[in-house]
Amino acid sequence: MAPRAAAWCFVVVLLTVGINCNEEDVIRERIEKLEALNDNLKQQLNSQKNVYNDLLNELATSSDFTDRSDGHQKRQLLTCAGPVVFHARLQNAIYPIGTNQIIAYEDVVTNVGNGYDSFTGLFRAPVGGAYEFIATMWSSDGNFLEIEMVRNGVDLCYGRASQSNQTMGSCVSMVELSAGDRVWVRHLSGRGTYANGQEYPSFAGHLIV
């Protein structure tokens, strides 16, 4: 009896090992399929982000959003009694950041005059006047990023956060705007791929006079 029992035990062990191996193969195959699906979804998402950013850049630089007369911008008189000032922070990191991607500082601290749109990252001057703007960007270890501030698509200043960990880059501009002019911050094409967030980087501006 003992040899027969031992033989049955050996068969049971082989069957168990075979089942476990089959389960591992099935799980491994499912993981590989999920990883491939995830990579495909990432590619589609990045493609859609690029399309959205291209449309946003086209919208931001459209002449429909600026007041023009004979090809020259016309400054409009200050018509509101209150101040114009905004301050927003970048909460979430952006990776990979696209070519010329507009950076939407989504955490709004102040927005007196409602000139800043946290969804698009665009500031639109509610009135004409002289404005001051400042934009900052924060780096992470081994990643650098260069940004530019633009008015209606024309560059105003540049900033760089180097690849040394937690380096802050800044860009400051004082500029005269017409009512309806837009100012925003975007990635300087091809220079860096990671925009660090955590509410350290900011985009702010105010009407001087």
N, C-alpha and C. Protein backbone atom coordinates (compact mmCIF):
# COMPACT_ATOMS: atom_id res chain seq x y z
N MET A 1 0.81 -1.21 0.00
CA MET A 1 0.00 0.00 0.00
C MET A 1 0.85 1.26 0.00
N ALA A 2 1.95 1.20 0.73
CA ALA A 2 2.77 2.39 0.88
C ALA A 2 3.31 2.88 -0.47
N PRO A 3 3.84 2.00 -1.34
CA PRO A 3 4.33 2.47 -2.63
C PRO A 3 3.22 3.10 -3.48
N ARG A 4 1.99 2.47 -3.43
CA ARG A 4 0.88 3.01 -4.20
C ARG A 4 0.49 4.38 -3.70
N ALA A 5 0.45 4.56 -2.38
CA ALA A 5 0.10 5.87 -1.80
C ALA A 5 1.13 6.91 -2.17
N ALA A 6 2.40 6.53 -2.14
CA ALA A 6 3.46 7.46 -2.51
C ALA A 6 3.33 7.88 -3.97
N ALA A 7 2.96 6.90 -4.82
CA ALA A 7 2.81 7.20 -6.24
C ALA A 7 1.68 8.20 -6.46
N TRP A 8 0.54 7.99 -5.73
CA TRP A 8 -0.59 8.91 -5.85
C TRP A 8 -0.21 10.32 -5.37
N CYS A 9 0.55 10.38 -4.31
CA CYS A 9 1.01 11.69 -3.80
C CYS A 9 1.86 12.40 -4.84
N PHE A 10 2.71 11.63 -5.51
CA PHE A 10 3.58 12.21 -6.53
C PHE A 10 2.77 12.76 -7.70
N VAL A 11 1.70 11.98 -8.09
CA VAL A 11 0.83 12.43 -9.19
C VAL A 11 0.11 13.71 -8.80
N VAL A 12 -0.41 13.76 -7.56
CA VAL A 12 -1.12 14.95 -7.08
C VAL A 12 -0.20 16.17 -7.10
N VAL A 13 1.05 15.97 -6.66
CA VAL A 13 2.02 17.07 -6.64
C VAL A 13 2.27 17.57 -8.06
N LEU A 14 2.43 16.66 -9.02
CA LEU A 14 2.67 17.05 -10.41
C LEU A 14 1.49 17.83 -10.97
N LEU A 15 0.27 17.34 -10.67
CA LEU A 15 -0.93 18.03 -11.16
C LEU A 15 -1.03 19.44 -10.57
N THR A 16 -0.72 19.54 -9.27
CA THR A 16 -0.79 20.84 -8.60
C THR A 16 0.22 21.82 -9.19
N VAL A 17 1.44 21.32 -9.40
CA VAL A 17 2.48 22.16 -10.00
C VAL A 17 2.07 22.59 -11.40
N GLY A 18 1.49 21.65 -12.17
CA GLY A 18 1.05 21.97 -13.52
C GLY A 18 -0.03 23.04 -13.54
N ILE A 19 -1.00 22.92 -12.60
CA ILE A 19 -2.07 23.90 -12.50
C ILE A 19 -1.51 25.27 -12.15
N ASN A 20 -0.59 25.29 -11.16
CA ASN A 20 0.02 26.56 -10.75
C ASN A 20 0.78 27.20 -11.89
N CYS A 21 1.50 26.37 -12.66
CA CYS A 21 2.25 26.91 -13.80
C CYS A 21 1.31 27.50 -14.84
N ASN A 22 0.17 26.77 -15.08
CA ASN A 22 -0.80 27.28 -16.04
C ASN A 22 -1.40 28.59 -15.57
N GLU A 23 -1.70 28.70 -14.27
CA GLU A 23 -2.25 29.94 -13.73
C GLU A 23 -1.26 31.08 -13.87
N GLU A 24 0.00 30.81 -13.61
CA GLU A 24 1.04 31.84 -13.75
C GLU A 24 1.15 32.30 -15.20
N ASP A 25 1.05 31.35 -16.14
CA ASP A 25 1.12 31.71 -17.56
C ASP A 25 -0.05 32.60 -17.95
N VAL A 26 -1.25 32.23 -17.45
CA VAL A 26 -2.45 33.02 -17.76
C VAL A 26 -2.33 34.42 -17.19
N ILE A 27 -1.86 34.53 -15.94
CA ILE A 27 -1.71 35.83 -15.28
C ILE A 27 -0.66 36.67 -16.01
N ARG A 28 0.46 36.03 -16.37
CA ARG A 28 1.52 36.74 -17.08
C ARG A 28 1.02 37.26 -18.43
N GLU A 29 0.22 36.43 -19.13
CA GLU A 29 -0.33 36.84 -20.42
C GLU A 29 -1.29 38.02 -20.26
N ARG A 30 -2.11 37.97 -19.20
CA ARG A 30 -3.04 39.08 -18.94
C ARG A 30 -2.29 40.37 -18.62
N ILE A 31 -1.22 40.25 -17.84
CA ILE A 31 -0.42 41.44 -17.49
C ILE A 31 0.20 42.05 -18.74
N GLU A 32 0.74 41.20 -19.62
CA GLU A 32 1.35 41.69 -20.85
C GLU A 32 0.32 42.41 -21.72
N LYS A 33 -0.91 41.86 -21.80
CA LYS A 33 -1.96 42.49 -22.59
C LYS A 33 -2.35 43.84 -21.99
N LEU A 34 -2.46 43.89 -20.66
CA LEU A 34 -2.82 45.14 -19.99
C LEU A 34 -1.73 46.20 -20.17
N GLU A 35 -0.47 45.78 -20.11
CA GLU A 35 0.63 46.72 -20.32
C GLU A 35 0.61 47.28 -21.75
N ALA A 36 0.35 46.40 -22.71
CA ALA A 36 0.28 46.85 -24.10
C ALA A 36 -0.89 47.81 -24.29
N LEU A 37 -2.04 47.50 -23.66
CA LEU A 37 -3.21 48.39 -23.74
C LEU A 37 -2.92 49.73 -23.10
N ASN A 38 -2.22 49.69 -21.96
CA ASN A 38 -1.86 50.93 -21.26
C ASN A 38 -0.94 51.80 -22.11
N ASP A 39 0.04 51.18 -22.75
CA ASP A 39 0.95 51.93 -23.63
C ASP A 39 0.19 52.57 -24.79
N ASN A 40 -0.76 51.82 -25.34
CA ASN A 40 -1.55 52.33 -26.45
C ASN A 40 -2.41 53.51 -26.02
N LEU A 41 -3.01 53.40 -24.82
CA LEU A 41 -3.83 54.50 -24.29
C LEU A 41 -2.98 55.74 -24.02
N LYS A 42 -1.76 55.54 -23.52
CA LYS A 42 -0.85 56.67 -23.29
C LYS A 42 -0.54 57.40 -24.59
N GLN A 43 -0.28 56.62 -25.65
CA GLN A 43 0.02 57.22 -26.94
C GLN A 43 -1.17 58.01 -27.47
N GLN A 44 -2.37 57.45 -27.31
CA GLN A 44 -3.57 58.15 -27.76
C GLN A 44 -3.79 59.43 -26.95
N LEU A 45 -3.54 59.35 -25.63
CA LEU A 45 -3.72 60.51 -24.77
C LEU A 45 -2.74 61.62 -25.15
N ASN A 46 -1.47 61.26 -25.36
CA ASN A 46 -0.47 62.25 -25.76
C ASN A 46 -0.82 62.87 -27.11
N SER A 47 -1.34 62.05 -28.02
CA SER A 47 -1.76 62.57 -29.32
C SER A 47 -2.89 63.57 -29.17
N GLN A 48 -3.87 63.25 -28.32
CA GLN A 48 -5.00 64.16 -28.09
C GLN A 48 -4.54 65.43 -27.39
N LYS A 49 -3.58 65.30 -26.47
CA LYS A 49 -3.04 66.48 -25.79
C LYS A 49 -2.37 67.42 -26.77
N ASN A 50 -1.65 66.84 -27.73
CA ASN A 50 -0.98 67.67 -28.75
C ASN A 50 -2.01 68.38 -29.62
N VAL A 51 -3.08 67.67 -29.99
CA VAL A 51 -4.13 68.29 -30.80
C VAL A 51 -4.78 69.42 -30.02
N TYR A 52 -5.09 69.17 -28.74
CA TYR A 52 -5.72 70.19 -27.91
C TYR A 52 -4.82 71.41 -27.76
N ASN A 53 -3.52 71.17 -27.54
CA ASN A 53 -2.59 72.28 -27.35
C ASN A 53 -2.45 73.10 -28.64
N ASP A 54 -2.44 72.43 -29.79
CA ASP A 54 -2.36 73.15 -31.07
C ASP A 54 -3.59 74.04 -31.25
N LEU A 55 -4.77 73.50 -30.92
CA LEU A 55 -6.00 74.28 -31.03
C LEU A 55 -6.00 75.45 -30.06
N LEU A 56 -5.48 75.20 -28.84
CA LEU A 56 -5.44 76.26 -27.83
C LEU A 56 -4.49 77.37 -28.25
N ASN A 57 -3.34 77.00 -28.80
CA ASN A 57 -2.39 78.01 -29.30
C ASN A 57 -2.99 78.81 -30.45
N GLU A 58 -3.72 78.11 -31.33
CA GLU A 58 -4.36 78.80 -32.44
C GLU A 58 -5.42 79.77 -31.94
N LEU A 59 -6.19 79.33 -30.95
CA LEU A 59 -7.23 80.19 -30.37
C LEU A 59 -6.61 81.39 -29.67
N ALA A 60 -5.55 81.15 -28.92
CA ALA A 60 -4.93 82.22 -28.15
C ALA A 60 -4.34 83.31 -29.03
N THR A 61 -3.85 82.93 -30.19
CA THR A 61 -3.20 83.91 -31.08
C THR A 61 -4.14 84.44 -32.15
N SER A 62 -5.40 84.03 -32.10
CA SER A 62 -6.37 84.48 -33.09
C SER A 62 -6.62 85.98 -32.96
N SER A 63 -6.73 86.66 -34.07
CA SER A 63 -6.99 88.10 -34.05
C SER A 63 -8.37 88.43 -33.53
N ASP A 64 -9.24 87.41 -33.44
CA ASP A 64 -10.58 87.65 -32.94
C ASP A 64 -10.58 88.06 -31.48
N PHE A 65 -9.48 87.79 -30.78
CA PHE A 65 -9.42 88.06 -29.36
C PHE A 65 -8.65 89.33 -29.03
N THR A 66 -8.25 90.09 -30.01
CA THR A 66 -7.54 91.33 -29.75
C THR A 66 -8.19 92.47 -30.51
N ASP A 67 -8.11 93.66 -29.98
CA ASP A 67 -8.65 94.84 -30.63
C ASP A 67 -7.56 95.45 -31.50
N ARG A 68 -7.82 95.58 -32.81
CA ARG A 68 -6.80 96.07 -33.73
C ARG A 68 -7.38 97.18 -34.61
N SER A 69 -6.54 98.08 -35.03
CA SER A 69 -6.95 99.14 -35.93
C SER A 69 -5.80 99.41 -36.90
N ASP A 70 -6.03 99.09 -38.20
CA ASP A 70 -5.00 99.28 -39.23
C ASP A 70 -3.72 98.51 -38.89
N GLY A 71 -3.87 97.31 -38.35
CA GLY A 71 -2.71 96.49 -38.06
C GLY A 71 -2.00 96.84 -36.77
N HIS A 72 -2.43 97.87 -36.06
CA HIS A 72 -1.80 98.25 -34.81
C HIS A 72 -2.78 98.08 -33.67
N GLN A 73 -2.26 97.64 -32.54
CA GLN A 73 -3.13 97.47 -31.38
C GLN A 73 -3.53 98.83 -30.84
N LYS A 74 -4.79 98.95 -30.47
CA LYS A 74 -5.33 100.20 -29.96
C LYS A 74 -5.55 100.06 -28.47
N ARG A 75 -4.88 100.89 -27.71
CA ARG A 75 -5.05 100.87 -26.27
C ARG A 75 -6.39 101.48 -25.89
N GLN A 76 -7.13 100.74 -25.08
CA GLN A 76 -8.42 101.24 -24.62
C GLN A 76 -8.25 101.87 -23.24
N LEU A 77 -9.06 102.89 -22.98
CA LEU A 77 -8.99 103.58 -21.70
C LEU A 77 -9.48 102.69 -20.58
N LEU A 78 -8.92 102.91 -19.41
CA LEU A 78 -9.34 102.17 -18.23
C LEU A 78 -10.79 102.51 -17.92
N THR A 79 -11.64 101.47 -17.88
CA THR A 79 -13.07 101.72 -17.70
C THR A 79 -13.62 101.11 -16.41
N CYS A 80 -12.81 100.37 -15.66
CA CYS A 80 -13.33 99.79 -14.43
C CYS A 80 -12.68 100.47 -13.24
N ALA A 81 -13.42 100.52 -12.14
CA ALA A 81 -12.94 101.22 -10.95
C ALA A 81 -12.00 100.35 -10.13
N GLY A 82 -12.17 99.03 -10.23
CA GLY A 82 -11.40 98.13 -9.39
C GLY A 82 -10.06 97.74 -9.99
N PRO A 83 -9.20 97.08 -9.21
CA PRO A 83 -7.89 96.64 -9.69
C PRO A 83 -7.99 95.37 -10.53
N VAL A 84 -6.92 95.02 -11.20
CA VAL A 84 -6.81 93.76 -11.93
C VAL A 84 -5.56 93.06 -11.41
N VAL A 85 -5.74 91.91 -10.82
CA VAL A 85 -4.60 91.17 -10.26
C VAL A 85 -4.96 89.69 -10.19
N PHE A 86 -4.00 88.83 -10.51
CA PHE A 86 -4.24 87.39 -10.40
C PHE A 86 -2.97 86.68 -9.93
N HIS A 87 -3.16 85.52 -9.36
CA HIS A 87 -2.05 84.68 -8.90
C HIS A 87 -2.53 83.24 -8.93
N ALA A 88 -1.82 82.38 -9.66
CA ALA A 88 -2.18 80.96 -9.75
C ALA A 88 -0.93 80.11 -9.60
N ARG A 89 -1.12 78.90 -9.07
CA ARG A 89 0.00 77.99 -8.83
C ARG A 89 -0.18 76.69 -9.61
N LEU A 90 0.95 76.09 -9.99
CA LEU A 90 0.91 74.81 -10.70
C LEU A 90 0.85 73.69 -9.66
N GLN A 91 -0.26 73.00 -9.63
CA GLN A 91 -0.48 71.98 -8.61
C GLN A 91 0.04 70.62 -9.05
N ASN A 92 -0.26 70.23 -10.27
CA ASN A 92 0.10 68.89 -10.76
C ASN A 92 1.27 68.96 -11.75
N ALA A 93 2.16 68.00 -11.61
CA ALA A 93 3.29 67.92 -12.54
C ALA A 93 2.79 67.59 -13.94
N ILE A 94 3.52 68.03 -14.96
CA ILE A 94 3.17 67.75 -16.35
C ILE A 94 4.31 66.96 -16.98
N TYR A 95 4.02 65.71 -17.39
CA TYR A 95 5.04 64.88 -18.03
C TYR A 95 4.37 63.86 -18.95
N PRO A 96 4.84 63.70 -20.17
CA PRO A 96 5.82 64.59 -20.82
C PRO A 96 5.12 65.87 -21.28
N ILE A 97 5.82 66.98 -21.19
CA ILE A 97 5.24 68.24 -21.61
C ILE A 97 5.47 68.42 -23.11
N GLY A 98 4.44 68.80 -23.83
CA GLY A 98 4.51 68.85 -25.28
C GLY A 98 5.22 70.08 -25.82
N THR A 99 5.50 70.07 -27.10
CA THR A 99 6.14 71.19 -27.77
C THR A 99 5.24 72.42 -27.71
N ASN A 100 5.78 73.51 -27.18
CA ASN A 100 5.03 74.76 -27.04
C ASN A 100 3.75 74.61 -26.22
N GLN A 101 3.70 73.60 -25.37
CA GLN A 101 2.49 73.38 -24.58
C GLN A 101 2.25 74.52 -23.61
N ILE A 102 1.02 75.05 -23.63
CA ILE A 102 0.64 76.10 -22.70
C ILE A 102 0.52 75.50 -21.30
N ILE A 103 1.11 76.16 -20.34
CA ILE A 103 1.09 75.67 -18.96
C ILE A 103 -0.08 76.32 -18.23
N ALA A 104 -1.04 75.52 -17.84
CA ALA A 104 -2.20 76.02 -17.11
C ALA A 104 -1.94 75.88 -15.61
N TYR A 105 -1.64 76.98 -14.98
CA TYR A 105 -1.47 76.99 -13.52
C TYR A 105 -2.88 76.93 -12.93
N GLU A 106 -3.25 75.75 -12.44
CA GLU A 106 -4.66 75.49 -12.18
C GLU A 106 -5.16 75.90 -10.79
N ASP A 107 -4.27 76.09 -9.84
CA ASP A 107 -4.69 76.43 -8.48
C ASP A 107 -4.72 77.96 -8.32
N VAL A 108 -5.90 78.54 -8.45
CA VAL A 108 -6.05 79.99 -8.43
C VAL A 108 -6.12 80.51 -6.99
N VAL A 109 -5.20 81.40 -6.67
CA VAL A 109 -5.17 82.02 -5.34
C VAL A 109 -5.95 83.34 -5.36
N THR A 110 -5.70 84.15 -6.38
CA THR A 110 -6.36 85.45 -6.53
C THR A 110 -6.70 85.67 -7.99
N ASN A 111 -7.87 86.24 -8.25
CA ASN A 111 -8.26 86.53 -9.63
C ASN A 111 -9.23 87.72 -9.65
N VAL A 112 -8.75 88.86 -9.18
CA VAL A 112 -9.56 90.07 -9.14
C VAL A 112 -9.65 90.63 -10.56
N GLY A 113 -10.84 90.79 -11.05
CA GLY A 113 -11.05 91.24 -12.42
C GLY A 113 -11.34 90.09 -13.38
N ASN A 114 -11.17 88.84 -12.89
CA ASN A 114 -11.48 87.63 -13.67
C ASN A 114 -10.77 87.59 -15.02
N GLY A 115 -9.52 88.04 -15.04
CA GLY A 115 -8.77 88.03 -16.29
C GLY A 115 -8.09 86.70 -16.58
N TYR A 116 -7.87 85.88 -15.53
CA TYR A 116 -7.13 84.64 -15.71
C TYR A 116 -8.08 83.45 -15.80
N ASP A 117 -7.81 82.56 -16.75
CA ASP A 117 -8.59 81.33 -16.95
C ASP A 117 -7.72 80.14 -16.58
N SER A 118 -8.04 79.48 -15.47
CA SER A 118 -7.21 78.37 -14.98
C SER A 118 -7.34 77.13 -15.86
N PHE A 119 -8.39 77.03 -16.65
CA PHE A 119 -8.57 75.87 -17.52
C PHE A 119 -7.64 75.93 -18.72
N THR A 120 -7.52 77.12 -19.31
CA THR A 120 -6.66 77.28 -20.50
C THR A 120 -5.27 77.78 -20.16
N GLY A 121 -5.11 78.45 -19.00
CA GLY A 121 -3.83 79.05 -18.64
C GLY A 121 -3.62 80.42 -19.25
N LEU A 122 -4.66 80.99 -19.85
CA LEU A 122 -4.55 82.28 -20.52
C LEU A 122 -5.03 83.42 -19.62
N PHE A 123 -4.28 84.52 -19.62
CA PHE A 123 -4.75 85.77 -19.00
C PHE A 123 -5.19 86.70 -20.10
N ARG A 124 -6.39 87.22 -19.99
CA ARG A 124 -6.91 88.17 -20.98
C ARG A 124 -7.13 89.50 -20.27
N ALA A 125 -6.49 90.54 -20.76
CA ALA A 125 -6.58 91.85 -20.13
C ALA A 125 -8.01 92.39 -20.24
N PRO A 126 -8.65 92.60 -19.10
CA PRO A 126 -10.02 93.14 -19.16
C PRO A 126 -10.03 94.61 -19.56
N VAL A 127 -8.93 95.30 -19.33
CA VAL A 127 -8.80 96.72 -19.70
C VAL A 127 -7.39 96.96 -20.22
N GLY A 128 -7.22 98.02 -20.99
CA GLY A 128 -5.89 98.38 -21.46
C GLY A 128 -5.09 99.04 -20.36
N GLY A 129 -3.76 98.92 -20.43
CA GLY A 129 -2.90 99.54 -19.44
C GLY A 129 -1.53 98.90 -19.40
N ALA A 130 -0.71 99.36 -18.46
CA ALA A 130 0.61 98.77 -18.24
C ALA A 130 0.50 97.68 -17.18
N TYR A 131 1.02 96.50 -17.49
CA TYR A 131 0.91 95.34 -16.60
C TYR A 131 2.30 94.81 -16.24
N GLU A 132 2.37 94.17 -15.10
CA GLU A 132 3.57 93.43 -14.71
C GLU A 132 3.20 91.98 -14.52
N PHE A 133 4.03 91.06 -15.06
CA PHE A 133 3.80 89.62 -14.95
C PHE A 133 5.06 88.93 -14.45
N ILE A 134 4.85 87.85 -13.72
CA ILE A 134 5.97 87.00 -13.31
C ILE A 134 5.53 85.55 -13.39
N ALA A 135 6.40 84.71 -13.95
CA ALA A 135 6.14 83.27 -14.03
C ALA A 135 7.34 82.53 -13.50
N THR A 136 7.10 81.48 -12.72
CA THR A 136 8.19 80.67 -12.19
C THR A 136 7.96 79.20 -12.54
N MET A 137 9.06 78.45 -12.60
CA MET A 137 8.99 77.02 -12.84
C MET A 137 9.99 76.33 -11.93
N TRP A 138 9.62 75.16 -11.44
CA TRP A 138 10.39 74.43 -10.42
C TRP A 138 10.87 73.11 -11.01
N SER A 139 12.13 72.77 -10.80
CA SER A 139 12.68 71.55 -11.38
C SER A 139 12.69 70.39 -10.38
N SER A 140 12.87 69.20 -10.91
CA SER A 140 13.10 68.01 -10.09
C SER A 140 14.47 67.46 -10.44
N ASP A 141 14.98 66.57 -9.62
CA ASP A 141 16.34 66.06 -9.78
C ASP A 141 16.53 65.41 -11.16
N GLY A 142 17.49 65.91 -11.92
CA GLY A 142 17.82 65.34 -13.22
C GLY A 142 16.96 65.85 -14.36
N ASN A 143 15.99 66.72 -14.08
CA ASN A 143 15.11 67.24 -15.12
C ASN A 143 15.15 68.76 -15.14
N PHE A 144 15.38 69.33 -16.32
CA PHE A 144 15.35 70.77 -16.44
C PHE A 144 14.16 71.16 -17.31
N LEU A 145 13.79 72.43 -17.28
CA LEU A 145 12.69 72.90 -18.12
C LEU A 145 12.89 74.37 -18.42
N GLU A 146 12.67 74.74 -19.68
CA GLU A 146 12.72 76.14 -20.07
C GLU A 146 11.32 76.58 -20.50
N ILE A 147 10.94 77.78 -20.08
CA ILE A 147 9.63 78.31 -20.39
C ILE A 147 9.77 79.68 -21.04
N GLU A 148 8.69 80.14 -21.65
CA GLU A 148 8.65 81.49 -22.18
C GLU A 148 7.27 82.08 -21.90
N MET A 149 7.25 83.38 -21.65
CA MET A 149 6.01 84.11 -21.50
C MET A 149 5.75 84.84 -22.81
N VAL A 150 4.51 84.77 -23.28
CA VAL A 150 4.19 85.37 -24.57
C VAL A 150 2.95 86.25 -24.47
N ARG A 151 2.92 87.26 -25.33
CA ARG A 151 1.74 88.10 -25.48
C ARG A 151 1.23 87.93 -26.91
N ASN A 152 0.02 87.42 -27.02
CA ASN A 152 -0.57 87.17 -28.34
C ASN A 152 0.38 86.38 -29.25
N GLY A 153 1.16 85.47 -28.65
CA GLY A 153 2.06 84.61 -29.40
C GLY A 153 3.46 85.15 -29.60
N VAL A 154 3.70 86.41 -29.17
CA VAL A 154 5.03 87.02 -29.30
C VAL A 154 5.74 86.94 -27.96
N ASP A 155 6.99 86.44 -27.95
CA ASP A 155 7.69 86.20 -26.69
C ASP A 155 8.01 87.50 -25.96
N LEU A 156 7.89 87.42 -24.62
CA LEU A 156 8.21 88.54 -23.74
C LEU A 156 9.46 88.29 -22.92
N CYS A 157 9.60 87.07 -22.40
CA CYS A 157 10.76 86.73 -21.57
C CYS A 157 10.89 85.22 -21.48
N TYR A 158 12.05 84.79 -20.95
CA TYR A 158 12.34 83.36 -20.83
C TYR A 158 12.78 83.03 -19.41
N GLY A 159 12.57 81.76 -19.03
CA GLY A 159 13.02 81.30 -17.73
C GLY A 159 13.50 79.86 -17.82
N ARG A 160 14.43 79.49 -16.95
CA ARG A 160 14.97 78.13 -16.96
C ARG A 160 15.11 77.60 -15.54
N ALA A 161 14.55 76.43 -15.29
CA ALA A 161 14.76 75.70 -14.05
C ALA A 161 15.75 74.57 -14.38
N SER A 162 16.94 74.61 -13.80
CA SER A 162 17.99 73.68 -14.18
C SER A 162 17.72 72.28 -13.62
N GLN A 163 18.57 71.30 -14.03
CA GLN A 163 18.35 69.92 -13.63
C GLN A 163 18.79 69.63 -12.21
N SER A 164 19.42 70.59 -11.55
CA SER A 164 19.69 70.42 -10.12
C SER A 164 18.36 70.40 -9.38
N ASN A 165 18.22 69.53 -8.41
CA ASN A 165 16.93 69.33 -7.75
C ASN A 165 16.41 70.61 -7.10
N GLN A 166 15.11 70.88 -7.34
CA GLN A 166 14.40 71.98 -6.71
C GLN A 166 15.01 73.35 -7.03
N THR A 167 15.34 73.53 -8.31
CA THR A 167 15.81 74.82 -8.78
C THR A 167 14.62 75.61 -9.32
N MET A 168 14.53 76.88 -8.96
CA MET A 168 13.42 77.71 -9.39
C MET A 168 13.89 78.66 -10.49
N GLY A 169 13.23 78.59 -11.64
CA GLY A 169 13.49 79.52 -12.73
C GLY A 169 12.39 80.56 -12.79
N SER A 170 12.71 81.77 -13.25
CA SER A 170 11.71 82.83 -13.27
C SER A 170 11.78 83.63 -14.56
N CYS A 171 10.68 84.30 -14.85
CA CYS A 171 10.54 85.12 -16.05
C CYS A 171 9.66 86.31 -15.68
N VAL A 172 10.16 87.54 -15.87
CA VAL A 172 9.44 88.74 -15.46
C VAL A 172 9.30 89.68 -16.66
N SER A 173 8.13 90.28 -16.80
CA SER A 173 7.91 91.20 -17.90
C SER A 173 6.96 92.32 -17.49
N MET A 174 7.26 93.52 -17.94
CA MET A 174 6.35 94.66 -17.81
C MET A 174 5.98 95.09 -19.22
N VAL A 175 4.68 95.12 -19.51
CA VAL A 175 4.26 95.31 -20.88
C VAL A 175 2.94 96.07 -20.93
N GLU A 176 2.78 96.85 -21.98
CA GLU A 176 1.53 97.57 -22.19
C GLU A 176 0.59 96.70 -23.02
N LEU A 177 -0.63 96.54 -22.52
CA LEU A 177 -1.62 95.70 -23.18
C LEU A 177 -2.83 96.52 -23.59
N SER A 178 -3.45 96.09 -24.67
CA SER A 178 -4.77 96.58 -25.04
C SER A 178 -5.81 95.66 -24.42
N ALA A 179 -6.99 96.17 -24.22
CA ALA A 179 -8.07 95.32 -23.71
C ALA A 179 -8.27 94.14 -24.66
N GLY A 180 -8.30 92.95 -24.11
CA GLY A 180 -8.46 91.74 -24.93
C GLY A 180 -7.17 91.04 -25.27
N ASP A 181 -6.02 91.70 -25.07
CA ASP A 181 -4.74 91.03 -25.30
C ASP A 181 -4.58 89.86 -24.34
N ARG A 182 -3.87 88.84 -24.80
CA ARG A 182 -3.66 87.65 -23.97
C ARG A 182 -2.19 87.46 -23.65
N VAL A 183 -1.94 86.98 -22.44
CA VAL A 183 -0.59 86.65 -21.97
C VAL A 183 -0.65 85.26 -21.36
N TRP A 184 0.34 84.43 -21.70
CA TRP A 184 0.37 83.09 -21.12
C TRP A 184 1.80 82.58 -21.06
N VAL A 185 1.97 81.45 -20.40
CA VAL A 185 3.28 80.81 -20.24
C VAL A 185 3.24 79.46 -20.96
N ARG A 186 4.30 79.16 -21.68
CA ARG A 186 4.34 77.88 -22.38
C ARG A 186 5.74 77.29 -22.35
N HIS A 187 5.80 76.00 -22.64
CA HIS A 187 7.07 75.28 -22.72
C HIS A 187 7.86 75.82 -23.91
N LEU A 188 9.13 76.10 -23.67
CA LEU A 188 10.02 76.52 -24.75
C LEU A 188 10.41 75.27 -25.53
N SER A 189 10.01 75.20 -26.76
CA SER A 189 10.05 73.99 -27.58
C SER A 189 11.34 73.17 -27.43
N GLY A 190 11.16 71.90 -27.05
CA GLY A 190 12.26 70.95 -27.04
C GLY A 190 13.25 71.10 -25.90
N ARG A 191 12.99 71.98 -24.97
CA ARG A 191 13.96 72.23 -23.89
C ARG A 191 13.39 71.79 -22.55
N GLY A 192 13.60 70.50 -22.29
CA GLY A 192 13.06 69.91 -21.07
C GLY A 192 11.77 69.17 -21.34
N THR A 193 11.44 68.20 -20.48
CA THR A 193 10.23 67.40 -20.69
C THR A 193 9.36 67.28 -19.45
N TYR A 194 9.82 67.82 -18.32
CA TYR A 194 9.11 67.60 -17.05
C TYR A 194 8.86 68.94 -16.34
N ALA A 195 7.59 69.26 -16.12
CA ALA A 195 7.22 70.45 -15.37
C ALA A 195 6.79 70.02 -13.97
N ASN A 196 7.58 70.36 -12.99
CA ASN A 196 7.28 69.96 -11.62
C ASN A 196 6.20 70.86 -11.03
N GLY A 197 5.35 70.30 -10.20
CA GLY A 197 4.24 71.04 -9.64
C GLY A 197 4.34 71.27 -8.14
N GLN A 198 3.39 70.68 -7.40
CA GLN A 198 3.33 70.76 -5.94
C GLN A 198 3.14 72.19 -5.42
N GLU A 199 2.53 73.04 -6.27
CA GLU A 199 2.16 74.41 -5.90
C GLU A 199 3.36 75.34 -5.67
N TYR A 200 4.55 74.93 -6.10
CA TYR A 200 5.72 75.82 -6.02
C TYR A 200 5.77 76.81 -7.19
N PRO A 201 5.57 76.35 -8.44
CA PRO A 201 5.61 77.31 -9.56
C PRO A 201 4.36 78.19 -9.56
N SER A 202 4.52 79.44 -9.99
CA SER A 202 3.40 80.38 -10.01
C SER A 202 3.39 81.21 -11.28
N PHE A 203 2.21 81.70 -11.60
CA PHE A 203 2.02 82.68 -12.68
C PHE A 203 1.15 83.78 -12.09
N ALA A 204 1.66 85.01 -12.12
CA ALA A 204 0.94 86.12 -11.48
C ALA A 204 1.10 87.39 -12.31
N GLY A 205 0.17 88.29 -12.15
CA GLY A 205 0.25 89.56 -12.86
C GLY A 205 -0.72 90.57 -12.27
N HIS A 206 -0.46 91.85 -12.56
CA HIS A 206 -1.37 92.88 -12.08
C HIS A 206 -1.27 94.12 -12.95
N LEU A 207 -2.32 94.88 -12.95
CA LEU A 207 -2.37 96.14 -13.68
C LEU A 207 -1.64 97.21 -12.86
N ILE A 208 -0.67 97.85 -13.49
CA ILE A 208 0.09 98.92 -12.80
C ILE A 208 -0.66 100.24 -12.91
N VAL A 209 -0.99 100.61 -14.13
CA VAL A 209 -1.69 101.88 -14.35
C VAL A 209 -2.40 101.84 -15.71
